[in-house]
Protein backbone atom coordinates (compact mmCIF):
# COMPACT_ATOMS: atom_id res chain seq x y z
CA MET A 1 129.72 179.21 109.26
CA ARG A 2 131.40 178.16 106.02
CA THR A 3 132.71 175.08 107.82
CA LEU A 4 129.27 174.23 109.19
CA SER A 5 127.76 174.62 105.73
CA PHE A 6 130.42 172.35 104.22
CA ALA A 7 129.91 169.68 106.90
CA ALA A 8 126.11 169.88 106.57
CA ALA A 9 126.37 169.38 102.80
CA LYS A 10 128.71 166.42 103.22
CA HIS A 11 126.43 164.77 105.81
CA ARG A 12 123.14 165.81 104.16
CA ASP A 13 121.96 162.24 103.56
CA HIS A 14 123.14 160.85 106.90
CA ARG A 15 120.90 160.18 109.88
CA ARG A 16 121.62 159.00 113.41
CA LYS A 17 120.79 155.35 114.04
CA SER A 18 118.42 156.02 116.92
CA VAL A 19 114.63 155.85 116.86
CA GLN A 20 114.52 159.61 116.22
CA ALA A 21 116.87 159.27 113.20
CA SER A 22 117.92 162.89 113.66
CA PRO A 23 120.11 164.52 111.02
CA TYR A 24 123.72 163.44 111.50
CA ILE A 25 124.97 167.04 111.34
CA ASN A 26 123.56 167.47 114.85
CA HIS A 27 126.49 165.36 116.11
CA PRO A 28 129.30 167.64 114.83
CA ILE A 29 127.29 170.64 116.01
CA ALA A 30 127.11 169.05 119.46
CA LEU A 31 130.92 168.79 119.52
CA ALA A 32 131.29 172.47 118.64
CA GLU A 33 128.77 173.36 121.37
CA ILE A 34 130.61 171.26 123.95
CA LEU A 35 133.92 172.88 123.05
CA ALA A 36 132.81 176.50 122.64
CA GLY A 37 129.62 176.70 124.66
CA GLU A 38 130.36 174.42 127.60
CA VAL A 39 134.10 174.87 128.18
CA GLY A 40 134.89 178.09 126.32
CA ILE A 41 137.33 176.82 123.70
CA THR A 42 137.37 179.37 120.89
CA ASP A 43 140.32 178.25 118.76
CA PRO A 44 138.89 178.38 115.21
CA ALA A 45 140.95 175.37 114.07
CA VAL A 46 139.57 173.21 116.91
CA ILE A 47 135.96 174.29 116.32
CA CYS A 48 136.26 173.79 112.55
CA ALA A 49 137.86 170.37 113.03
CA ALA A 50 135.05 169.42 115.42
CA LEU A 51 132.48 170.27 112.76
CA LEU A 52 134.45 168.33 110.14
CA HIS A 53 135.70 165.45 112.30
CA ASP A 54 133.68 162.70 110.57
CA THR A 55 133.83 163.97 106.98
CA ILE A 56 136.81 161.88 105.86
CA GLU A 57 135.64 158.85 107.83
CA ASP A 58 131.98 158.90 106.76
CA THR A 59 131.81 160.75 103.43
CA GLU A 60 133.74 160.99 100.18
CA THR A 61 135.69 163.98 101.53
CA THR A 62 139.45 163.81 101.08
CA TYR A 63 142.28 165.21 103.14
CA ASP A 64 143.36 167.36 100.18
CA GLU A 65 139.83 168.77 99.92
CA LEU A 66 139.93 169.80 103.58
CA VAL A 67 143.38 171.36 103.11
CA SER A 68 142.17 173.38 100.14
CA HIS A 69 139.01 174.61 101.90
CA PHE A 70 140.14 174.97 105.51
CA GLY A 71 143.93 174.80 105.62
CA LEU A 72 146.56 172.34 106.75
CA GLU A 73 146.01 172.74 110.49
CA VAL A 74 142.30 171.90 110.37
CA ALA A 75 142.86 169.01 107.94
CA ASP A 76 145.61 167.59 110.16
CA ILE A 77 143.38 167.70 113.24
CA VAL A 78 140.61 165.92 111.32
CA MET A 79 143.06 163.26 110.12
CA ASP A 80 144.31 162.81 113.67
CA VAL A 81 140.81 161.88 114.87
CA THR A 82 139.72 159.91 111.80
CA ASP A 83 139.01 156.26 112.54
CA GLU A 84 140.10 153.71 109.99
CA LYS A 85 137.04 151.51 109.44
CA LYS A 86 138.93 148.28 108.74
CA GLY A 87 138.61 145.24 110.98
CA SER A 88 136.35 144.26 113.83
CA ILE A 89 134.99 146.67 116.41
CA GLY A 90 137.59 145.32 118.83
CA GLU A 91 140.44 145.94 116.38
CA ARG A 92 139.16 149.42 115.56
CA ASN A 93 138.86 150.28 119.24
CA GLN A 94 142.37 149.03 119.96
CA ARG A 95 143.70 151.25 117.13
CA GLN A 96 141.87 154.22 118.68
CA VAL A 97 143.37 153.45 122.10
CA ASP A 98 146.86 152.95 120.66
CA HIS A 99 146.64 156.14 118.57
CA ALA A 100 145.00 158.45 121.13
CA ALA A 101 148.13 159.21 123.14
CA SER A 102 150.05 160.27 120.03
CA THR A 103 147.47 162.77 118.77
CA SER A 104 148.00 166.51 118.85
CA ALA A 105 146.71 168.59 121.75
CA LYS A 106 144.03 170.10 119.51
CA ALA A 107 142.96 166.69 118.22
CA ARG A 108 142.61 165.50 121.82
CA LEU A 109 140.12 168.29 122.48
CA VAL A 110 138.05 167.13 119.52
CA GLN A 111 138.36 163.49 120.67
CA LEU A 112 137.13 164.38 124.15
CA ALA A 113 134.17 166.34 122.79
CA ASP A 114 133.36 163.45 120.42
CA LYS A 115 133.33 160.90 123.24
CA ILE A 116 131.20 163.21 125.42
CA ALA A 117 128.68 163.74 122.64
CA ASP A 118 128.64 160.04 121.80
CA LEU A 119 128.00 158.94 125.39
CA ARG A 120 125.31 161.55 125.90
CA ASN A 121 123.62 160.39 122.71
CA MET A 122 124.00 156.70 123.60
CA ALA A 123 122.44 157.30 127.00
CA SER A 124 119.41 159.11 125.61
CA SER A 125 118.91 157.43 122.22
CA PRO A 126 121.09 154.43 121.42
CA PRO A 127 120.98 152.89 117.94
CA THR A 128 117.80 150.90 117.50
CA SER A 129 119.67 147.71 116.61
CA TRP A 130 121.84 147.77 119.77
CA ASP A 131 121.02 145.79 122.89
CA ILE A 132 121.99 147.02 126.35
CA ARG A 133 125.20 144.96 126.40
CA ARG A 134 126.48 146.56 123.19
CA THR A 135 125.67 150.02 124.54
CA GLN A 136 127.52 149.24 127.78
CA GLU A 137 130.52 148.00 125.79
CA TYR A 138 130.52 151.26 123.83
CA PHE A 139 130.73 153.21 127.10
CA ASP A 140 133.65 151.00 128.18
CA ARG A 141 135.49 151.45 124.86
CA ALA A 142 135.08 155.23 125.04
CA ALA A 143 136.58 155.23 128.54
CA HIS A 144 139.61 153.26 127.32
CA VAL A 145 140.27 155.90 124.65
CA VAL A 146 139.82 158.81 127.06
CA ASP A 147 142.12 157.16 129.60
CA GLN A 148 144.93 157.59 127.06
CA ILE A 149 144.43 161.36 126.84
CA ARG A 150 143.72 162.28 130.47
CA GLY A 151 145.45 165.50 131.46
CA THR A 152 144.42 167.25 128.25
CA HIS A 153 141.61 169.45 129.54
CA PRO A 154 140.18 169.03 133.06
CA ALA A 155 136.78 170.58 132.26
CA LEU A 156 136.26 168.34 129.22
CA GLU A 157 137.37 165.33 131.23
CA ALA A 158 134.85 166.21 133.94
CA LEU A 159 132.12 166.39 131.29
CA PHE A 160 133.24 163.00 129.98
CA ASP A 161 133.17 161.52 133.49
CA ALA A 162 129.62 162.87 133.98
CA ALA A 163 128.55 161.37 130.64
CA ALA A 164 130.20 158.05 131.53
CA LYS A 165 128.01 157.86 134.63
CA MET A 166 125.00 157.63 132.29
CA LYS A 167 126.08 154.14 131.27
CA PRO A 168 122.95 151.99 131.21
CA ASN A 169 122.61 149.52 134.03
CA THR A 170 121.62 145.96 133.17
CA GLN A 171 119.30 145.83 136.18
CA LEU A 172 117.31 148.79 134.93
CA ARG A 173 116.08 147.04 131.78
């Protein structure tokens, strides 16, 4: 609960980019629910890292701050899944693909949950500024990342595959 409170405070001013503009903290909570509620992962470091996974990337949170509050293991998992926001979307995606295979087993669990939550969210409420093509490309980029970490957790991969099937179809719009 301390981790959730910390993440909520860090993301307090953030909203999702969909029409609903829901509080951003719902995204890290969704990861924790996927991991613990849907596939039964109870490792505290994994659940804490899931709740914190975007704090370094999207807030002023530092690695040292995470170490001091949550320990080295949690901070290392968060760093392993943190996306460097330099360059084009294509460059960023290629870095994610290139890095995915070298991440720790626990970071891969968080990555899988993140991609599942992202695709589910994209299917139901994509960002308002995105057209269907950009949404489809996001689904494709997520699949490229997950392809690098297949074999990590069959149940999470099955959830990802189900979410990937929600990719919007051009003919439907």
